[in-house]
Amino acid sequence: MNIIRIEDCWESDWIALKTILYQNDRGDILRWDYVERAGGRQDSVIVIPRFKESGDLIMIREYRVIFDRYVIGFPAGLIAEGESAEACALRELKEETGYTGKVVCVSPLVTLHSALIKDLAYCVLVELEEGATPELQRLEPTEKIRVYRVKRDEINSFFEQARAKGDIIGGAPWMVLTAIKYL
């Protein structure tokens, strides 16, 4: 594969639509459209908050305007200029859930949807003390988030209840459920 050029198609304050013109291994010239964050790459974090002893997880139910529905997920956000993945994870956890914790594991940068979106994220496992109580959330005006403590053995039924309300299950929580059940 050989990239010939990248064309800027459209850009807003937040996203940019691009087209890649490339040559495949057979010599065919092909096009591929994708989306990236405006202004170039800005990495993000997905925070997986887990209570130390019980293994319970914190999940969020967040209204997502692009779906006009709620999505079940983990706290997440963009890493600010000069901020580490660890610091961003703790900041987003506190802002979106009110909880604080200790970072115990940070993944390498992972792709979230490599066929459509040029976006990379760190998955950050944060351990919470069993008796931790959350402070007030500090949500942005665009955020509407409800926080849930979900027992490890009740994740599947939590998802079933959410789907019954019309919610969408995010990919990261679904992968965690799958790992718990089958690995």
Protein backbone atom coordinates (compact mmCIF):
# COMPACT_ATOMS: atom_id res chain seq x y z
CA MET A 1 0.00 0.00 0.00
CA ASN A 2 1.19 3.46 -0.85
CA ILE A 3 -0.51 6.73 0.09
CA ILE A 4 -0.47 9.15 -2.83
CA ARG A 5 -2.12 12.12 -1.13
CA ILE A 6 -4.61 13.16 1.54
CA GLU A 7 -7.32 15.63 0.54
CA ASP A 8 -9.13 17.98 2.93
CA CYS A 9 -12.85 17.74 2.12
CA TRP A 10 -14.57 19.63 4.92
CA GLU A 11 -13.84 20.88 8.45
CA SER A 12 -15.83 22.22 11.41
CA ASP A 13 -14.60 23.37 14.79
CA TRP A 14 -14.42 19.76 15.97
CA ILE A 15 -14.01 17.35 13.05
CA ALA A 16 -12.47 17.14 9.60
CA LEU A 17 -13.50 14.91 6.72
CA LYS A 18 -10.56 13.67 4.63
CA THR A 19 -10.05 11.48 1.59
CA ILE A 20 -6.94 9.40 1.06
CA LEU A 21 -5.90 8.55 -2.47
CA TYR A 22 -3.73 5.44 -2.35
CA GLN A 23 -2.38 2.60 -4.44
CA ASN A 24 -2.95 -0.96 -3.30
CA ASP A 25 -0.51 -3.86 -3.78
CA ARG A 26 -2.09 -4.75 -7.15
CA GLY A 27 -1.48 -1.26 -8.51
CA ASP A 28 -5.10 -0.07 -8.27
CA ILE A 29 -5.63 3.59 -7.35
CA LEU A 30 -8.30 3.76 -4.61
CA ARG A 31 -9.99 6.35 -2.37
CA TRP A 32 -10.83 6.09 1.34
CA ASP A 33 -12.87 8.63 3.31
CA TYR A 34 -12.37 9.10 7.03
CA VAL A 35 -12.97 11.52 9.90
CA GLU A 36 -10.39 12.97 12.27
CA ARG A 37 -10.39 15.64 14.94
CA ALA A 38 -10.01 19.16 13.55
CA GLY A 39 -6.54 20.60 13.89
CA GLY A 40 -4.80 17.23 13.76
CA ARG A 41 -4.36 14.42 16.22
CA GLN A 42 -5.56 14.73 19.79
CA ASP A 43 -5.47 11.55 21.81
CA SER A 44 -8.09 10.60 24.36
CA VAL A 45 -8.62 8.30 27.33
CA ILE A 46 -11.23 5.72 28.19
CA VAL A 47 -11.34 5.25 31.96
CA ILE A 48 -12.27 1.84 33.37
CA PRO A 49 -13.04 2.51 37.05
CA ARG A 50 -12.98 -0.64 39.19
CA PHE A 51 -13.52 -1.02 42.91
CA LYS A 52 -10.50 -2.65 44.50
CA GLU A 53 -12.03 -5.49 46.51
CA SER A 54 -15.39 -6.26 44.89
CA GLY A 55 -14.44 -5.74 41.26
CA ASP A 56 -17.60 -3.63 40.77
CA LEU A 57 -17.34 -1.21 37.86
CA ILE A 58 -18.44 2.38 37.44
CA MET A 59 -20.34 2.91 34.21
CA ILE A 60 -22.04 5.98 32.89
CA ARG A 61 -25.26 6.54 30.97
CA GLU A 62 -24.62 9.57 28.77
CA TYR A 63 -26.96 11.28 26.36
CA ARG A 64 -25.37 11.39 22.90
CA VAL A 65 -27.02 13.88 20.60
CA ILE A 66 -25.81 12.17 17.41
CA PHE A 67 -27.94 9.13 18.31
CA ASP A 68 -30.64 11.07 20.20
CA ARG A 69 -30.30 8.28 22.76
CA TYR A 70 -28.31 7.36 25.81
CA VAL A 71 -25.12 5.35 25.53
CA ILE A 72 -23.77 3.12 28.30
CA GLY A 73 -20.04 3.60 28.56
CA PHE A 74 -17.06 4.47 30.66
CA PRO A 75 -15.87 7.97 31.50
CA ALA A 76 -13.71 9.34 28.68
CA GLY A 77 -12.26 12.53 27.32
CA LEU A 78 -9.61 14.34 25.36
CA ILE A 79 -6.08 14.75 26.68
CA ALA A 80 -5.24 18.44 27.06
CA GLU A 81 -2.01 19.90 25.71
CA GLY A 82 0.84 18.88 28.06
CA GLU A 83 -1.40 16.51 30.07
CA SER A 84 -0.51 12.86 30.61
CA ALA A 85 -2.96 10.03 29.95
CA GLU A 86 -2.96 9.27 33.69
CA ALA A 87 -3.76 12.86 34.70
CA CYS A 88 -6.49 13.09 32.05
CA ALA A 89 -8.07 9.82 33.22
CA LEU A 90 -8.23 11.00 36.83
CA ARG A 91 -9.60 14.41 35.76
CA GLU A 92 -12.30 12.90 33.53
CA LEU A 93 -13.24 10.36 36.22
CA LYS A 94 -13.74 13.12 38.77
CA GLU A 95 -15.57 15.47 36.37
CA GLU A 96 -17.96 12.85 34.99
CA THR A 97 -18.55 10.67 38.07
CA GLY A 98 -17.31 12.55 41.14
CA TYR A 99 -15.01 9.64 42.04
CA THR A 100 -11.26 9.71 42.59
CA GLY A 101 -8.93 6.76 42.39
CA LYS A 102 -5.49 5.44 41.59
CA VAL A 103 -4.23 4.58 38.11
CA VAL A 104 -3.08 0.96 38.00
CA CYS A 105 -2.69 0.28 34.28
CA VAL A 106 -2.42 2.29 31.06
CA SER A 107 -2.69 0.64 27.66
CA PRO A 108 -0.64 1.63 24.65
CA LEU A 109 -2.52 3.84 22.22
CA VAL A 110 -5.36 1.81 20.70
CA THR A 111 -7.62 2.48 17.75
CA LEU A 112 -11.32 2.80 18.38
CA HIS A 113 -12.81 2.50 14.88
CA SER A 114 -9.95 2.25 12.41
CA ALA A 115 -12.07 1.99 9.26
CA LEU A 116 -13.82 5.32 9.70
CA ILE A 117 -12.26 7.47 12.42
CA LYS A 118 -8.59 8.38 12.81
CA ASP A 119 -8.72 8.47 16.60
CA LEU A 120 -6.42 6.92 19.19
CA ALA A 121 -7.01 6.42 22.90
CA TYR A 122 -5.41 5.08 26.03
CA CYS A 123 -7.49 2.68 28.11
CA VAL A 124 -6.76 3.51 31.74
CA LEU A 125 -7.72 1.18 34.59
CA VAL A 126 -8.37 3.18 37.75
CA GLU A 127 -8.79 1.47 41.10
CA LEU A 128 -11.28 2.90 43.60
CA GLU A 129 -11.39 2.26 47.32
CA GLU A 130 -14.35 0.08 48.24
CA GLY A 131 -16.00 2.67 50.50
CA ALA A 132 -15.38 5.62 48.17
CA THR A 133 -18.25 8.06 47.86
CA PRO A 134 -18.46 10.42 44.92
CA GLU A 135 -18.34 14.19 45.07
CA LEU A 136 -20.61 16.23 42.82
CA GLN A 137 -20.03 15.84 39.10
CA ARG A 138 -18.54 18.78 37.20
CA LEU A 139 -20.20 18.34 33.84
CA GLU A 140 -19.80 20.51 30.76
CA PRO A 141 -22.96 22.12 29.34
CA THR A 142 -23.01 19.49 26.57
CA GLU A 143 -22.94 16.58 29.03
CA LYS A 144 -25.85 14.77 30.66
CA ILE A 145 -24.43 11.81 32.60
CA ARG A 146 -25.80 9.42 35.21
CA VAL A 147 -23.36 7.23 37.16
CA TYR A 148 -23.90 3.55 38.02
CA ARG A 149 -21.97 1.17 40.23
CA VAL A 150 -22.41 -2.20 38.55
CA LYS A 151 -21.58 -5.48 40.25
CA ARG A 152 -19.25 -7.61 38.18
CA ASP A 153 -21.70 -10.53 38.01
CA GLU A 154 -24.61 -8.23 37.09
CA ILE A 155 -23.10 -6.47 34.07
CA ASN A 156 -25.08 -8.54 31.57
CA SER A 157 -28.43 -7.82 33.27
CA PHE A 158 -27.46 -4.13 33.57
CA PHE A 159 -26.93 -4.08 29.79
CA GLU A 160 -30.22 -5.89 29.18
CA GLN A 161 -32.09 -3.31 31.29
CA ALA A 162 -30.36 -0.47 29.45
CA ARG A 163 -31.23 -1.94 26.05
CA ALA A 164 -34.85 -2.37 27.18
CA LYS A 165 -34.91 1.42 27.79
CA GLY A 166 -33.57 1.99 24.27
CA ASP A 167 -29.99 2.70 25.32
CA ILE A 168 -26.99 1.80 23.17
CA ILE A 169 -24.19 -0.23 24.76
CA GLY A 170 -20.74 1.23 24.07
CA GLY A 171 -18.04 -0.98 22.61
CA ALA A 172 -15.62 -0.74 25.54
CA PRO A 173 -18.10 -1.91 28.21
CA TRP A 174 -19.28 -4.72 25.93
CA MET A 175 -15.67 -5.91 25.46
CA VAL A 176 -15.16 -5.86 29.24
CA LEU A 177 -18.29 -7.98 29.70
CA THR A 178 -17.09 -10.42 27.05
CA ALA A 179 -13.67 -10.67 28.68
CA ILE A 180 -15.19 -11.31 32.11
CA LYS A 181 -17.51 -14.01 30.73
CA TYR A 182 -15.26 -15.83 28.32
CA LEU A 183 -11.58 -15.26 29.04
